[in-house]
Amino acid sequence: MVKEGDYVAVFHSVHRVLKAEKILKAAGIAFRLIPAPRQLSADCGLALCFAQAEHAGIDDMLGRDGVPIAELWVMQAGIYTQIM
């Protein structure tokens, strides 16, 4: 489901992740809504997965709309590494 180099954004609630989904869909940004991987501390059980190239745009857009990413992880060599 999560590929090598993908970013996984975790939020503090289902409400926030669904609001983020709505914002990104409206902007036409490529991402996937996924069940939060067990290895990550996800309060709501859902997360957003996207390519590294989308990170800056997504972070700016969600921050501007009041839906900041709580934690950001990257999949490297089959292991999640927290980057934010």
C-alpha atoms as a PDB file:
ATOM      1  CA  MET A   1       0.000   0.000   0.000  1.00  0.00           C
ATOM      2  CA  VAL A   2       2.726   2.511   0.968  1.00  0.00           C
ATOM      3  CA  LYS A   3       5.580   2.456  -1.524  1.00  0.00           C
ATOM      4  CA  GLU A   4       9.257   3.194  -1.010  1.00  0.00           C
ATOM      5  CA  GLY A   5       9.761   6.966  -0.675  1.00  0.00           C
ATOM      6  CA  ASP A   6       6.086   7.736  -0.027  1.00  0.00           C
ATOM      7  CA  TYR A   7       5.188  10.216   2.681  1.00  0.00           C
ATOM      8  CA  VAL A   8       2.486   9.391   5.231  1.00  0.00           C
ATOM      9  CA  ALA A   9       0.754  12.278   7.005  1.00  0.00           C
ATOM     10  CA  VAL A  10      -0.986  11.602  10.315  1.00  0.00           C
ATOM     11  CA  PHE A  11      -3.590  13.898  11.887  1.00  0.00           C
ATOM     12  CA  HIS A  12      -5.053  14.158  15.394  1.00  0.00           C
ATOM     13  CA  SER A  13      -8.637  13.275  14.451  1.00  0.00           C
ATOM     14  CA  VAL A  14     -10.838  11.749  11.792  1.00  0.00           C
ATOM     15  CA  HIS A  15     -12.399  15.179  11.287  1.00  0.00           C
ATOM     16  CA  ARG A  16      -9.026  16.702  10.395  1.00  0.00           C
ATOM     17  CA  VAL A  17      -7.948  13.961   8.003  1.00  0.00           C
ATOM     18  CA  LEU A  18     -11.304  14.114   6.202  1.00  0.00           C
ATOM     19  CA  LYS A  19     -11.083  17.909   5.998  1.00  0.00           C
ATOM     20  CA  ALA A  20      -7.552  17.560   4.575  1.00  0.00           C
ATOM     21  CA  GLU A  21      -8.869  15.042   2.042  1.00  0.00           C
ATOM     22  CA  LYS A  22     -11.577  17.475   0.922  1.00  0.00           C
ATOM     23  CA  ILE A  23      -9.085  20.355   0.548  1.00  0.00           C
ATOM     24  CA  LEU A  24      -6.585  18.308  -1.460  1.00  0.00           C
ATOM     25  CA  LYS A  25      -9.246  16.782  -3.722  1.00  0.00           C
ATOM     26  CA  ALA A  26     -10.593  20.250  -4.524  1.00  0.00           C
ATOM     27  CA  ALA A  27      -7.055  21.367  -5.427  1.00  0.00           C
ATOM     28  CA  GLY A  28      -6.482  18.339  -7.657  1.00  0.00           C
ATOM     29  CA  ILE A  29      -3.451  17.132  -5.689  1.00  0.00           C
ATOM     30  CA  ALA A  30      -2.517  13.457  -5.969  1.00  0.00           C
ATOM     31  CA  PHE A  31      -2.749  11.536  -2.670  1.00  0.00           C
ATOM     32  CA  ARG A  32      -4.377   8.445  -1.167  1.00  0.00           C
ATOM     33  CA  LEU A  33      -6.453   8.097   1.985  1.00  0.00           C
ATOM     34  CA  ILE A  34      -5.165   4.961   3.748  1.00  0.00           C
ATOM     35  CA  PRO A  35      -5.590   3.122   7.027  1.00  0.00           C
ATOM     36  CA  ALA A  36      -2.830   4.429   9.280  1.00  0.00           C
ATOM     37  CA  PRO A  37       0.012   1.912   9.464  1.00  0.00           C
ATOM     38  CA  ARG A  38       0.195   0.205  12.872  1.00  0.00           C
ATOM     39  CA  GLN A  39       3.794   1.335  13.352  1.00  0.00           C
ATOM     40  CA  LEU A  40       2.709   4.979  13.433  1.00  0.00           C
ATOM     41  CA  SER A  41       0.964   6.759  16.265  1.00  0.00           C
ATOM     42  CA  ALA A  42      -2.313   7.657  14.615  1.00  0.00           C
ATOM     43  CA  ASP A  43      -5.128   8.851  16.841  1.00  0.00           C
ATOM     44  CA  CYS A  44      -7.793   8.471  14.184  1.00  0.00           C
ATOM     45  CA  GLY A  45      -6.800   5.349  12.257  1.00  0.00           C
ATOM     46  CA  LEU A  46      -6.566   7.130   8.893  1.00  0.00           C
ATOM     47  CA  ALA A  47      -3.678   8.855   7.152  1.00  0.00           C
ATOM     48  CA  LEU A  48      -2.814  10.499   3.856  1.00  0.00           C
ATOM     49  CA  CYS A  49      -0.160   8.985   1.608  1.00  0.00           C
ATOM     50  CA  PHE A  50       1.531  11.001  -1.137  1.00  0.00           C
ATOM     51  CA  ALA A  51       4.688  11.333  -3.182  1.00  0.00           C
ATOM     52  CA  GLN A  52       7.621  13.315  -1.812  1.00  0.00           C
ATOM     53  CA  ALA A  53       7.260  15.830  -4.645  1.00  0.00           C
ATOM     54  CA  GLU A  54       3.813  16.829  -3.305  1.00  0.00           C
ATOM     55  CA  HIS A  55       5.001  17.525   0.258  1.00  0.00           C
ATOM     56  CA  ALA A  56       5.715  21.261   0.097  1.00  0.00           C
ATOM     57  CA  GLY A  57       2.446  22.069  -1.665  1.00  0.00           C
ATOM     58  CA  ILE A  58       0.378  19.883   0.648  1.00  0.00           C
ATOM     59  CA  ASP A  59       2.025  21.219   3.809  1.00  0.00           C
ATOM     60  CA  ASP A  60       1.512  24.835   2.729  1.00  0.00           C
ATOM     61  CA  MET A  61      -2.079  24.305   1.621  1.00  0.00           C
ATOM     62  CA  LEU A  62      -3.180  22.444   4.742  1.00  0.00           C
ATOM     63  CA  GLY A  63      -1.380  24.869   7.053  1.00  0.00           C
ATOM     64  CA  ARG A  64      -3.054  27.794   5.327  1.00  0.00           C
ATOM     65  CA  ASP A  65      -6.474  26.138   5.733  1.00  0.00           C
ATOM     66  CA  GLY A  66      -5.951  25.383   9.429  1.00  0.00           C
ATOM     67  CA  VAL A  67      -5.437  21.613   9.096  1.00  0.00           C
ATOM     68  CA  PRO A  68      -1.789  21.092  10.018  1.00  0.00           C
ATOM     69  CA  ILE A  69      -0.181  17.678   9.700  1.00  0.00           C
ATOM     70  CA  ALA A  70       0.445  16.254  13.195  1.00  0.00           C
ATOM     71  CA  GLU A  71       3.210  13.842  12.150  1.00  0.00           C
ATOM     72  CA  LEU A  72       4.926  13.166   8.835  1.00  0.00           C
ATOM     73  CA  TRP A  73       6.661   9.877   8.060  1.00  0.00           C
ATOM     74  CA  VAL A  74       8.551   8.544   5.057  1.00  0.00           C
ATOM     75  CA  MET A  75       8.887   4.908   4.019  1.00  0.00           C
ATOM     76  CA  GLN A  76      12.582   4.049   3.534  1.00  0.00           C
ATOM     77  CA  ALA A  77      13.874   0.503   3.085  1.00  0.00           C
ATOM     78  CA  GLY A  78      10.614  -0.882   4.454  1.00  0.00           C
ATOM     79  CA  ILE A  79      10.816   1.201   7.644  1.00  0.00           C
ATOM     80  CA  TYR A  80       8.907   4.354   8.584  1.00  0.00           C
ATOM     81  CA  THR A  81      11.096   7.289   9.593  1.00  0.00           C
ATOM     82  CA  GLN A  82       9.525  10.353  11.185  1.00  0.00           C
ATOM     83  CA  ILE A  83      10.515  13.590   9.471  1.00  0.00           C
ATOM     84  CA  MET A  84       8.120  15.990  11.215  1.00  0.00           C
END
